[in-house]
N, C-alpha and C. Protein backbone atom coordinates (compact mmCIF):
# COMPACT_ATOMS: atom_id res chain seq x y z
N MET A 1 13.43 37.72 4.25
CA MET A 1 14.12 37.84 2.98
C MET A 1 13.37 37.05 1.92
N GLY A 2 13.63 37.37 0.71
CA GLY A 2 12.95 36.71 -0.39
C GLY A 2 11.54 37.25 -0.57
N GLY A 3 10.77 36.60 -1.36
CA GLY A 3 9.40 36.98 -1.65
C GLY A 3 8.89 36.11 -2.78
N ALA A 4 7.69 36.39 -3.25
CA ALA A 4 7.12 35.57 -4.33
C ALA A 4 8.04 35.59 -5.54
N GLY A 5 8.60 34.45 -5.85
CA GLY A 5 9.49 34.31 -6.99
C GLY A 5 10.93 34.71 -6.73
N ILE A 6 11.24 35.18 -5.53
CA ILE A 6 12.60 35.59 -5.17
C ILE A 6 13.04 34.74 -3.99
N PRO A 7 14.05 33.90 -4.17
CA PRO A 7 14.44 33.00 -3.09
C PRO A 7 15.02 33.70 -1.88
N ASN A 8 14.83 33.08 -0.73
CA ASN A 8 15.42 33.54 0.52
C ASN A 8 16.84 32.98 0.57
N LEU A 9 17.82 33.83 0.53
CA LEU A 9 19.21 33.38 0.51
C LEU A 9 19.76 33.09 1.90
N THR A 10 18.94 33.30 2.94
CA THR A 10 19.41 33.07 4.30
C THR A 10 19.06 31.68 4.82
N ASP A 11 18.24 30.94 4.09
CA ASP A 11 17.90 29.60 4.56
C ASP A 11 18.78 28.56 3.85
N ASN A 12 18.55 27.32 4.12
CA ASN A 12 19.35 26.27 3.50
C ASN A 12 18.58 25.52 2.42
N ALA A 13 17.49 26.11 1.95
CA ALA A 13 16.69 25.48 0.90
C ALA A 13 17.08 26.11 -0.44
N TRP A 14 18.01 25.50 -1.10
CA TRP A 14 18.52 26.02 -2.36
C TRP A 14 18.06 25.11 -3.49
N GLN A 15 17.32 25.67 -4.41
CA GLN A 15 16.72 24.90 -5.49
C GLN A 15 17.75 24.14 -6.31
N TYR A 16 18.90 24.72 -6.52
CA TYR A 16 19.96 24.07 -7.31
C TYR A 16 21.13 23.63 -6.45
N GLY A 17 20.95 23.62 -5.14
CA GLY A 17 22.01 23.21 -4.23
C GLY A 17 22.76 24.40 -3.67
N GLY A 18 23.18 24.30 -2.43
CA GLY A 18 23.84 25.40 -1.75
C GLY A 18 25.33 25.23 -1.56
N GLN A 19 25.91 24.24 -2.20
CA GLN A 19 27.36 24.08 -2.13
C GLN A 19 28.03 25.21 -2.92
N THR A 20 29.27 25.49 -2.60
CA THR A 20 30.00 26.56 -3.27
C THR A 20 29.93 26.42 -4.79
N ALA A 21 30.21 25.24 -5.30
CA ALA A 21 30.20 25.03 -6.75
C ALA A 21 28.81 25.27 -7.34
N ASP A 22 27.75 24.91 -6.61
CA ASP A 22 26.39 25.12 -7.10
C ASP A 22 26.08 26.61 -7.22
N ILE A 23 26.47 27.36 -6.20
CA ILE A 23 26.20 28.80 -6.20
C ILE A 23 27.02 29.49 -7.28
N GLU A 24 28.28 29.12 -7.41
CA GLU A 24 29.13 29.69 -8.47
C GLU A 24 28.53 29.40 -9.85
N ARG A 25 28.03 28.18 -10.04
CA ARG A 25 27.42 27.80 -11.33
C ARG A 25 26.17 28.64 -11.59
N SER A 26 25.37 28.85 -10.55
CA SER A 26 24.16 29.67 -10.72
C SER A 26 24.52 31.11 -11.10
N ILE A 27 25.51 31.67 -10.45
CA ILE A 27 25.92 33.05 -10.75
C ILE A 27 26.52 33.13 -12.14
N SER A 28 27.38 32.20 -12.49
CA SER A 28 28.08 32.23 -13.78
C SER A 28 27.16 31.96 -14.96
N HIS A 29 26.36 30.91 -14.84
CA HIS A 29 25.58 30.44 -16.00
C HIS A 29 24.10 30.80 -15.93
N GLY A 30 23.66 31.31 -14.79
CA GLY A 30 22.24 31.61 -14.64
C GLY A 30 21.43 30.32 -14.49
N ARG A 31 20.14 30.48 -14.35
CA ARG A 31 19.25 29.33 -14.22
C ARG A 31 17.96 29.64 -14.96
N ARG A 32 17.42 28.64 -15.61
CA ARG A 32 16.17 28.78 -16.35
C ARG A 32 15.26 27.59 -16.08
N PRO A 33 14.76 27.49 -14.85
CA PRO A 33 13.90 26.34 -14.54
C PRO A 33 12.56 26.44 -15.26
N VAL A 34 12.06 25.29 -15.65
CA VAL A 34 10.77 25.23 -16.33
C VAL A 34 9.96 24.09 -15.73
N MET A 35 8.77 24.42 -15.31
CA MET A 35 7.79 23.41 -14.87
C MET A 35 6.79 23.30 -16.01
N PRO A 36 6.66 22.12 -16.62
CA PRO A 36 5.72 22.00 -17.74
C PRO A 36 4.27 22.09 -17.29
N ALA A 37 3.43 22.56 -18.17
CA ALA A 37 1.99 22.62 -17.91
C ALA A 37 1.41 21.21 -18.06
N LEU A 38 0.74 20.72 -17.02
CA LEU A 38 0.21 19.36 -17.03
C LEU A 38 -1.32 19.32 -16.97
N GLY A 39 -1.94 20.47 -17.00
CA GLY A 39 -3.39 20.53 -16.87
C GLY A 39 -4.15 19.72 -17.90
N ARG A 40 -3.76 19.81 -19.15
CA ARG A 40 -4.45 19.06 -20.21
C ARG A 40 -4.25 17.55 -20.04
N ALA A 41 -3.05 17.17 -19.69
CA ALA A 41 -2.75 15.74 -19.54
C ALA A 41 -3.48 15.14 -18.34
N LEU A 42 -3.60 15.90 -17.26
CA LEU A 42 -4.21 15.39 -16.03
C LEU A 42 -5.73 15.51 -16.03
N GLY A 43 -6.25 16.50 -16.68
CA GLY A 43 -7.68 16.76 -16.59
C GLY A 43 -8.03 17.33 -15.22
N ASP A 44 -9.23 17.80 -15.06
CA ASP A 44 -9.63 18.46 -13.82
C ASP A 44 -9.56 17.52 -12.61
N THR A 45 -10.05 16.31 -12.77
CA THR A 45 -10.05 15.36 -11.66
C THR A 45 -8.62 14.98 -11.28
N GLY A 46 -7.82 14.62 -12.26
CA GLY A 46 -6.43 14.26 -12.00
C GLY A 46 -5.64 15.40 -11.41
N LEU A 47 -5.92 16.60 -11.87
CA LEU A 47 -5.24 17.78 -11.33
C LEU A 47 -5.54 17.93 -9.84
N GLY A 48 -6.78 17.78 -9.46
CA GLY A 48 -7.16 17.86 -8.06
C GLY A 48 -6.50 16.77 -7.23
N GLN A 49 -6.41 15.58 -7.79
CA GLN A 49 -5.79 14.46 -7.08
C GLN A 49 -4.30 14.70 -6.87
N VAL A 50 -3.63 15.18 -7.89
CA VAL A 50 -2.19 15.46 -7.77
C VAL A 50 -1.95 16.58 -6.76
N VAL A 51 -2.76 17.62 -6.80
CA VAL A 51 -2.60 18.72 -5.85
C VAL A 51 -2.77 18.21 -4.42
N SER A 52 -3.79 17.39 -4.19
CA SER A 52 -4.00 16.84 -2.84
C SER A 52 -2.81 16.00 -2.42
N TYR A 53 -2.30 15.18 -3.33
CA TYR A 53 -1.16 14.34 -2.99
C TYR A 53 0.08 15.18 -2.70
N VAL A 54 0.36 16.19 -3.53
CA VAL A 54 1.52 17.05 -3.30
C VAL A 54 1.40 17.74 -1.94
N LEU A 55 0.22 18.23 -1.63
CA LEU A 55 0.02 18.85 -0.32
C LEU A 55 0.30 17.86 0.81
N SER A 56 -0.07 16.60 0.61
CA SER A 56 0.11 15.58 1.65
C SER A 56 1.57 15.22 1.89
N LEU A 57 2.45 15.58 0.95
CA LEU A 57 3.86 15.26 1.11
C LEU A 57 4.49 16.00 2.28
N GLY A 58 3.98 17.17 2.59
CA GLY A 58 4.58 17.97 3.64
C GLY A 58 3.74 18.18 4.88
N ARG A 59 2.47 17.75 4.81
CA ARG A 59 1.59 17.99 5.95
C ARG A 59 0.33 17.15 5.80
N PRO A 60 -0.38 16.95 6.90
CA PRO A 60 -1.65 16.21 6.81
C PRO A 60 -2.67 17.00 6.00
N VAL A 61 -3.43 16.32 5.18
CA VAL A 61 -4.48 16.96 4.39
C VAL A 61 -5.80 16.23 4.62
N ASP A 62 -6.85 16.95 4.42
CA ASP A 62 -8.18 16.39 4.55
C ASP A 62 -8.66 16.02 3.14
N ALA A 63 -8.31 14.82 2.71
CA ALA A 63 -8.70 14.35 1.39
C ALA A 63 -9.03 12.86 1.50
N PRO A 64 -9.97 12.41 0.69
CA PRO A 64 -10.31 10.98 0.72
C PRO A 64 -9.10 10.11 0.36
N PRO A 65 -8.92 9.00 1.07
CA PRO A 65 -7.77 8.12 0.80
C PRO A 65 -7.68 7.69 -0.67
N GLU A 66 -8.81 7.45 -1.31
CA GLU A 66 -8.77 7.01 -2.71
C GLU A 66 -8.27 8.14 -3.63
N SER A 67 -8.56 9.38 -3.26
CA SER A 67 -8.07 10.52 -4.03
C SER A 67 -6.56 10.66 -3.86
N LEU A 68 -6.07 10.48 -2.64
CA LEU A 68 -4.63 10.55 -2.41
C LEU A 68 -3.90 9.41 -3.12
N LYS A 69 -4.51 8.23 -3.13
CA LYS A 69 -3.90 7.10 -3.83
C LYS A 69 -3.82 7.37 -5.33
N ALA A 70 -4.90 7.89 -5.90
CA ALA A 70 -4.90 8.22 -7.33
C ALA A 70 -3.89 9.33 -7.61
N GLY A 71 -3.81 10.32 -6.72
CA GLY A 71 -2.85 11.40 -6.88
C GLY A 71 -1.42 10.90 -6.83
N LYS A 72 -1.16 9.94 -5.93
CA LYS A 72 0.18 9.37 -5.83
C LYS A 72 0.55 8.64 -7.12
N GLU A 73 -0.41 7.92 -7.71
CA GLU A 73 -0.15 7.21 -8.96
C GLU A 73 0.13 8.19 -10.10
N LEU A 74 -0.64 9.26 -10.18
CA LEU A 74 -0.40 10.28 -11.21
C LEU A 74 0.92 11.00 -10.97
N TYR A 75 1.23 11.29 -9.72
CA TYR A 75 2.49 11.91 -9.36
C TYR A 75 3.65 11.03 -9.85
N ALA A 76 3.55 9.73 -9.65
CA ALA A 76 4.61 8.80 -10.07
C ALA A 76 4.84 8.90 -11.58
N VAL A 77 3.79 9.11 -12.34
CA VAL A 77 3.89 9.18 -13.80
C VAL A 77 4.40 10.54 -14.27
N PHE A 78 3.84 11.61 -13.71
CA PHE A 78 4.09 12.95 -14.24
C PHE A 78 5.12 13.78 -13.47
N CYS A 79 5.35 13.48 -12.20
CA CYS A 79 6.12 14.40 -11.36
C CYS A 79 7.40 13.80 -10.77
N ALA A 80 7.39 12.51 -10.47
CA ALA A 80 8.48 11.89 -9.73
C ALA A 80 9.82 11.95 -10.46
N SER A 81 9.81 11.95 -11.78
CA SER A 81 11.08 11.97 -12.51
C SER A 81 11.87 13.25 -12.23
N CYS A 82 11.19 14.32 -11.89
CA CYS A 82 11.89 15.57 -11.54
C CYS A 82 11.94 15.81 -10.03
N HIS A 83 10.79 15.68 -9.38
CA HIS A 83 10.71 16.01 -7.95
C HIS A 83 11.08 14.85 -7.04
N GLY A 84 11.37 13.68 -7.60
CA GLY A 84 11.74 12.52 -6.82
C GLY A 84 10.53 11.74 -6.36
N VAL A 85 10.72 10.45 -6.20
CA VAL A 85 9.64 9.56 -5.76
C VAL A 85 9.06 10.03 -4.43
N ASP A 86 9.93 10.51 -3.55
CA ASP A 86 9.49 10.95 -2.23
C ASP A 86 9.18 12.44 -2.16
N GLY A 87 9.33 13.15 -3.28
CA GLY A 87 9.01 14.57 -3.33
C GLY A 87 10.08 15.51 -2.81
N THR A 88 11.27 14.99 -2.51
CA THR A 88 12.31 15.84 -1.93
C THR A 88 13.11 16.63 -2.96
N GLY A 89 12.74 16.54 -4.22
CA GLY A 89 13.34 17.38 -5.25
C GLY A 89 14.61 16.82 -5.84
N THR A 90 15.08 17.48 -6.89
CA THR A 90 16.30 17.11 -7.58
C THR A 90 17.07 18.39 -7.91
N PRO A 91 18.03 18.77 -7.04
CA PRO A 91 18.76 20.01 -7.27
C PRO A 91 19.43 20.12 -8.63
N ALA A 92 19.92 19.02 -9.19
CA ALA A 92 20.58 19.08 -10.49
C ALA A 92 19.63 19.59 -11.58
N LEU A 93 18.33 19.34 -11.40
CA LEU A 93 17.32 19.81 -12.35
C LEU A 93 16.67 21.12 -11.92
N GLY A 94 16.89 21.51 -10.69
CA GLY A 94 16.21 22.68 -10.16
C GLY A 94 14.77 22.38 -9.76
N ALA A 95 14.46 21.10 -9.61
CA ALA A 95 13.11 20.71 -9.18
C ALA A 95 13.06 20.78 -7.66
N PRO A 96 12.26 21.68 -7.11
CA PRO A 96 12.28 21.91 -5.67
C PRO A 96 11.69 20.78 -4.83
N ASP A 97 12.07 20.79 -3.57
CA ASP A 97 11.56 19.89 -2.56
C ASP A 97 10.10 20.25 -2.29
N LEU A 98 9.22 19.27 -2.39
CA LEU A 98 7.79 19.51 -2.16
C LEU A 98 7.36 19.10 -0.76
N THR A 99 8.32 18.67 0.06
CA THR A 99 7.99 18.17 1.39
C THR A 99 8.27 19.17 2.50
N ASP A 100 8.92 20.28 2.17
CA ASP A 100 9.30 21.24 3.21
C ASP A 100 8.37 22.46 3.19
N ASP A 101 8.72 23.44 3.98
CA ASP A 101 7.91 24.65 4.08
C ASP A 101 8.45 25.79 3.22
N THR A 102 9.40 25.51 2.35
CA THR A 102 10.01 26.53 1.52
C THR A 102 9.45 26.43 0.11
N TRP A 103 8.52 27.31 -0.19
CA TRP A 103 7.88 27.34 -1.50
C TRP A 103 8.07 28.74 -2.08
N LEU A 104 8.64 28.82 -3.25
CA LEU A 104 8.99 30.10 -3.85
C LEU A 104 7.77 30.98 -4.15
N TYR A 105 6.65 30.36 -4.48
CA TYR A 105 5.45 31.12 -4.83
C TYR A 105 4.29 30.88 -3.89
N GLY A 106 4.48 30.04 -2.89
CA GLY A 106 3.41 29.73 -1.95
C GLY A 106 2.99 28.28 -2.07
N SER A 107 2.40 27.75 -0.99
CA SER A 107 2.07 26.33 -0.96
C SER A 107 0.58 26.08 -0.75
N THR A 108 -0.26 27.03 -1.12
CA THR A 108 -1.70 26.79 -1.02
C THR A 108 -2.14 25.89 -2.16
N ALA A 109 -3.28 25.26 -1.97
CA ALA A 109 -3.82 24.39 -3.02
C ALA A 109 -4.01 25.16 -4.31
N GLY A 110 -4.46 26.40 -4.21
CA GLY A 110 -4.69 27.21 -5.41
C GLY A 110 -3.41 27.50 -6.18
N VAL A 111 -2.35 27.84 -5.46
CA VAL A 111 -1.07 28.13 -6.12
C VAL A 111 -0.51 26.87 -6.76
N ILE A 112 -0.55 25.76 -6.03
CA ILE A 112 -0.03 24.51 -6.56
C ILE A 112 -0.83 24.08 -7.79
N ARG A 113 -2.14 24.20 -7.71
CA ARG A 113 -3.00 23.84 -8.85
C ARG A 113 -2.64 24.67 -10.08
N ASP A 114 -2.45 25.97 -9.88
CA ASP A 114 -2.11 26.85 -11.00
C ASP A 114 -0.79 26.45 -11.63
N VAL A 115 0.22 26.16 -10.81
CA VAL A 115 1.54 25.80 -11.35
C VAL A 115 1.48 24.45 -12.07
N VAL A 116 0.82 23.47 -11.47
CA VAL A 116 0.72 22.15 -12.11
C VAL A 116 -0.06 22.26 -13.41
N ALA A 117 -1.15 22.99 -13.40
CA ALA A 117 -1.99 23.11 -14.59
C ALA A 117 -1.32 23.91 -15.70
N ASN A 118 -0.72 25.04 -15.35
CA ASN A 118 -0.23 25.99 -16.36
C ASN A 118 1.28 26.04 -16.51
N GLY A 119 2.00 25.38 -15.61
CA GLY A 119 3.45 25.41 -15.66
C GLY A 119 4.00 26.74 -15.19
N ARG A 120 5.30 26.84 -15.22
CA ARG A 120 5.95 28.09 -14.81
C ARG A 120 7.37 28.08 -15.38
N ALA A 121 7.82 29.24 -15.81
CA ALA A 121 9.20 29.41 -16.28
C ALA A 121 9.78 30.64 -15.61
N ASN A 122 11.00 30.54 -15.17
CA ASN A 122 11.70 31.64 -14.51
C ASN A 122 13.07 31.80 -15.13
N GLU A 123 13.75 32.84 -14.71
CA GLU A 123 15.12 33.00 -15.17
C GLU A 123 15.93 33.80 -14.15
N MET A 124 17.09 33.25 -13.85
CA MET A 124 18.12 34.03 -13.16
C MET A 124 19.17 34.29 -14.23
N PRO A 125 19.47 35.54 -14.50
CA PRO A 125 20.43 35.82 -15.56
C PRO A 125 21.83 35.31 -15.24
N ALA A 126 22.57 35.02 -16.29
CA ALA A 126 23.96 34.59 -16.16
C ALA A 126 24.87 35.81 -16.05
N PHE A 127 25.87 35.72 -15.18
CA PHE A 127 26.81 36.81 -14.99
C PHE A 127 28.25 36.41 -15.34
N GLY A 128 28.41 35.22 -15.95
CA GLY A 128 29.74 34.71 -16.27
C GLY A 128 30.51 35.56 -17.25
N GLU A 129 29.81 36.28 -18.12
CA GLU A 129 30.50 37.15 -19.08
C GLU A 129 30.61 38.59 -18.57
N THR A 130 29.93 38.87 -17.47
CA THR A 130 29.94 40.22 -16.89
C THR A 130 30.94 40.33 -15.74
N LEU A 131 31.03 39.28 -14.94
CA LEU A 131 31.90 39.27 -13.77
C LEU A 131 33.12 38.39 -14.02
N SER A 132 34.21 38.75 -13.42
CA SER A 132 35.42 37.94 -13.52
C SER A 132 35.29 36.73 -12.59
N PRO A 133 36.11 35.70 -12.78
CA PRO A 133 36.09 34.57 -11.86
C PRO A 133 36.31 35.00 -10.40
N ALA A 134 37.18 35.97 -10.18
CA ALA A 134 37.42 36.45 -8.81
C ALA A 134 36.18 37.13 -8.25
N GLU A 135 35.46 37.88 -9.07
CA GLU A 135 34.24 38.55 -8.62
C GLU A 135 33.13 37.53 -8.33
N ILE A 136 33.06 36.49 -9.15
CA ILE A 136 32.08 35.43 -8.91
C ILE A 136 32.39 34.71 -7.61
N ALA A 137 33.66 34.43 -7.37
CA ALA A 137 34.06 33.78 -6.11
C ALA A 137 33.74 34.67 -4.92
N ALA A 138 34.00 35.96 -5.04
CA ALA A 138 33.71 36.89 -3.94
C ALA A 138 32.20 36.99 -3.70
N LEU A 139 31.41 37.03 -4.76
CA LEU A 139 29.96 37.10 -4.62
C LEU A 139 29.43 35.81 -4.01
N THR A 140 29.97 34.68 -4.40
CA THR A 140 29.58 33.39 -3.83
C THR A 140 29.86 33.39 -2.33
N ASP A 141 31.03 33.83 -1.95
CA ASP A 141 31.39 33.90 -0.53
C ASP A 141 30.44 34.84 0.22
N PHE A 142 30.13 35.97 -0.37
CA PHE A 142 29.23 36.94 0.24
C PHE A 142 27.84 36.32 0.46
N VAL A 143 27.32 35.64 -0.55
CA VAL A 143 26.00 35.01 -0.44
C VAL A 143 26.03 33.93 0.64
N GLN A 144 27.08 33.13 0.69
CA GLN A 144 27.17 32.06 1.68
C GLN A 144 27.23 32.59 3.11
N ARG A 145 27.69 33.79 3.29
CA ARG A 145 27.73 34.37 4.64
C ARG A 145 26.34 34.60 5.21
N PHE A 146 25.35 34.72 4.34
CA PHE A 146 23.97 34.91 4.79
C PHE A 146 23.30 33.61 5.19
N MET A 147 23.82 32.49 4.71
CA MET A 147 23.18 31.21 4.96
C MET A 147 23.25 30.86 6.44
N SER A 148 22.19 30.23 6.94
CA SER A 148 22.15 29.87 8.36
C SER A 148 23.08 28.71 8.68
N ASN A 149 23.38 27.87 7.70
CA ASN A 149 24.29 26.75 7.90
C ASN A 149 25.03 26.49 6.59
N PRO A 150 25.99 27.34 6.23
CA PRO A 150 26.65 27.17 4.96
C PRO A 150 27.41 25.86 4.86
N SER A 151 27.31 25.24 3.70
CA SER A 151 28.03 23.98 3.47
C SER A 151 29.02 24.22 2.33
N ARG A 152 30.23 24.49 2.70
CA ARG A 152 31.25 24.84 1.69
C ARG A 152 32.13 23.69 1.35
C-alpha cells in the first residue's frame, strides 16, 4: 500500500499521529506539510554532511567520523527543531521520523539530498466542509481498521 508521496495506511508510521483525534483532524482540516529548502544555507559540503548524518540515524553508513560529526552539528541547527534532537520526528508539526524505514519518497542519499536542498511541499485536502462529523468519524474508523496496531 502507499507509494511515492502516498502514505501506507496499514502501518503505524503516521506523520501527524495515528490516534483517532489525529486522523479525524487530518480528514477534517487537511494537511500542508512544508520542508524548507536548505541547500543555499548549507552549501554543498554542509548538505553532504547533513545527508550522511540523517542516513546514520537509521542505519550504519560509510562516512568519515568528522563528516558525521559536522553533519550532526548542522542537523542540530537546521533540522532538530522539527525532526527532534534524536531524529524521531514531531507529529504535531508533521515532521517525519528519520530513524525508521518508513520514508514517503524514499531514503536514498539522492532523495534525501534533493529534499534537504530543495525542500518539499505537499497537501492533503480538507474534507471538513464536504463531509459531516458522522461521515468523518466513520471514515476515521474505516482507516483505523487497516492499521496493524490501531491506537484508539
